[in-house]
Amino acid sequence: MATQALAPRESQALRIRGMKVTVQSQNGDPVLLRVEGRVSQRDVEVDDPFVDSVGENVYSRQVVVDLSEVASLDSSGVNWLLVSQKRMHEHGGKLVLHSLSPIANNVLKVLNLHAVFQIADSEAAAIRKLGGNDR
């Protein structure tokens, strides 16, 4: 899937075995990230992929995460997303997931996590969600 060129973006990637986290933009809020590949905390060699990609203040920021290229999402990957969501809430940040791959969408639906995460169909819709409290 091609990345839309809405505005100039930084592109910096952190490859973590099967998972790749790419920073598309972090010049203010929202921070735009893309997570690709196999999302499993077991494949993560760093303490926190969001902190390693963006910095210590990531949890106090608004973060939009593109999950369109997620090939698999296991329970430890879901746990990582849940912990990240909780940390954002505790530190005044906000997390919105968007463009879920069919695999990611099915896993979150089966676990009834669409009620927990803010999820949007597109990056633009995710950014709009940051302005309100809708889910």
Protein backbone atom coordinates (compact mmCIF):
# COMPACT_ATOMS: atom_id res chain seq x y z
CA MET A 1 0.00 0.00 0.00
CA ALA A 2 1.47 3.34 -1.00
CA THR A 3 1.96 6.09 1.55
CA GLN A 4 0.03 9.24 0.70
CA ALA A 5 2.18 12.32 0.36
CA LEU A 6 -0.04 14.75 2.29
CA ALA A 7 2.94 16.58 3.76
CA PRO A 8 6.69 16.06 3.96
CA ARG A 9 7.40 13.30 6.44
CA GLU A 10 10.39 11.90 8.16
CA SER A 11 10.90 8.26 7.42
CA GLN A 12 12.93 6.31 9.88
CA ALA A 13 12.50 2.61 10.54
CA LEU A 14 13.28 0.38 13.47
CA ARG A 15 13.37 -3.28 12.45
CA ILE A 16 12.67 -5.67 15.28
CA ARG A 17 13.05 -9.20 13.95
CA GLY A 18 9.67 -9.80 12.27
CA MET A 19 8.20 -6.42 13.20
CA LYS A 20 9.12 -3.09 11.64
CA VAL A 21 8.16 0.26 13.18
CA THR A 22 8.52 3.22 10.81
CA VAL A 23 8.24 6.82 11.92
CA GLN A 24 6.43 8.66 9.14
CA SER A 25 6.29 11.97 11.02
CA GLN A 26 7.08 13.14 14.53
CA ASN A 27 7.27 16.90 13.98
CA GLY A 28 4.50 17.73 16.44
CA ASP A 29 1.23 15.99 17.07
CA PRO A 30 0.10 13.63 15.88
CA VAL A 31 3.08 11.33 15.63
CA LEU A 32 2.50 9.08 12.59
CA LEU A 33 3.83 5.53 12.80
CA ARG A 34 3.52 2.41 10.69
CA VAL A 35 3.84 -1.08 12.17
CA GLU A 36 4.49 -3.89 9.71
CA GLY A 37 5.16 -7.62 9.71
CA ARG A 38 4.75 -10.01 12.61
CA VAL A 39 3.54 -8.11 15.68
CA SER A 40 4.68 -10.16 18.63
CA GLN A 41 6.32 -8.92 21.81
CA ARG A 42 8.42 -12.10 21.74
CA ASP A 43 10.14 -10.77 18.61
CA VAL A 44 11.02 -7.46 20.23
CA GLU A 45 14.61 -7.10 21.38
CA VAL A 46 14.13 -3.54 22.67
CA ASP A 47 12.20 -2.59 25.79
CA ASP A 48 9.64 -0.46 24.02
CA PRO A 49 9.35 -0.04 20.23
CA PHE A 50 7.41 3.24 20.53
CA VAL A 51 9.99 4.80 22.90
CA ASP A 52 12.88 3.54 20.78
CA SER A 53 11.28 4.96 17.62
CA VAL A 54 9.98 8.30 18.89
CA GLY A 55 11.56 9.01 22.27
CA GLU A 56 10.75 9.02 25.97
CA ASN A 57 7.87 11.49 25.57
CA VAL A 58 5.88 9.32 23.15
CA TYR A 59 3.25 8.43 25.75
CA SER A 60 2.36 12.06 26.38
CA ARG A 61 1.73 12.65 22.67
CA GLN A 62 -0.99 11.90 20.17
CA VAL A 63 0.03 8.83 18.19
CA VAL A 64 -1.59 7.47 15.04
CA VAL A 65 -0.51 3.96 14.05
CA ASP A 66 -1.01 2.43 10.60
CA LEU A 67 -1.54 -1.34 10.89
CA SER A 68 -2.28 -1.98 7.20
CA GLU A 69 0.83 -4.13 6.69
CA VAL A 70 0.54 -6.32 9.79
CA ALA A 71 1.03 -9.93 8.69
CA SER A 72 0.27 -11.50 12.08
CA LEU A 73 -0.76 -10.34 15.53
CA ASP A 74 -0.41 -12.72 18.46
CA SER A 75 -1.42 -12.39 22.10
CA SER A 76 1.89 -10.84 23.13
CA GLY A 77 1.53 -8.27 20.33
CA VAL A 78 -2.00 -7.47 21.49
CA ASN A 79 -0.64 -7.12 25.04
CA TRP A 80 2.00 -4.65 23.78
CA LEU A 81 -0.73 -2.54 22.14
CA LEU A 82 -2.87 -2.68 25.30
CA VAL A 83 0.05 -1.66 27.54
CA SER A 84 0.89 1.16 25.11
CA GLN A 85 -2.74 2.33 25.19
CA LYS A 86 -2.70 2.30 29.01
CA ARG A 87 0.58 4.24 29.17
CA MET A 88 -0.79 6.84 26.76
CA HIS A 89 -3.88 7.26 28.91
CA GLU A 90 -1.77 7.59 32.09
CA HIS A 91 0.57 10.19 30.56
CA GLY A 92 -2.02 12.32 28.76
CA GLY A 93 -1.37 10.94 25.29
CA LYS A 94 -3.77 9.35 22.86
CA LEU A 95 -3.44 6.31 20.60
CA VAL A 96 -5.49 5.73 17.45
CA LEU A 97 -5.00 2.68 15.24
CA HIS A 98 -5.97 2.81 11.58
CA SER A 99 -6.13 0.86 8.34
CA LEU A 100 -6.04 -2.50 10.11
CA SER A 101 -4.94 -5.41 7.96
CA PRO A 102 -7.51 -8.22 7.74
CA ILE A 103 -5.44 -10.28 10.21
CA ALA A 104 -5.15 -7.45 12.76
CA ASN A 105 -8.83 -6.59 12.35
CA ASN A 106 -9.92 -10.20 12.91
CA VAL A 107 -7.75 -10.63 16.02
CA LEU A 108 -9.04 -7.42 17.60
CA LYS A 109 -12.65 -8.32 16.72
CA VAL A 110 -12.39 -11.83 18.18
CA LEU A 111 -10.96 -10.38 21.39
CA ASN A 112 -13.65 -7.65 21.40
CA LEU A 113 -10.95 -4.98 21.51
CA HIS A 114 -12.66 -2.67 19.02
CA ALA A 115 -14.41 -1.33 22.13
CA VAL A 116 -11.05 -0.69 23.85
CA PHE A 117 -8.96 0.87 21.09
CA GLN A 118 -9.83 3.89 19.01
CA ILE A 119 -9.80 2.52 15.45
CA ALA A 120 -10.23 4.37 12.17
CA ASP A 121 -10.46 3.29 8.55
CA SER A 122 -7.80 5.74 7.32
CA GLU A 123 -5.04 8.04 8.52
CA ALA A 124 -7.26 11.09 7.93
CA ALA A 125 -10.09 9.56 9.96
CA ALA A 126 -7.63 8.64 12.73
CA ILE A 127 -6.42 12.23 12.91
CA ARG A 128 -10.03 13.43 13.10
CA LYS A 129 -10.65 11.04 16.02
CA LEU A 130 -7.90 12.77 17.98
CA GLY A 131 -10.06 15.88 18.10
CA GLY A 132 -12.97 14.18 19.85
CA ASN A 133 -13.81 11.36 22.19
CA ASP A 134 -15.61 9.13 19.69
CA ARG A 135 -14.55 5.51 19.29
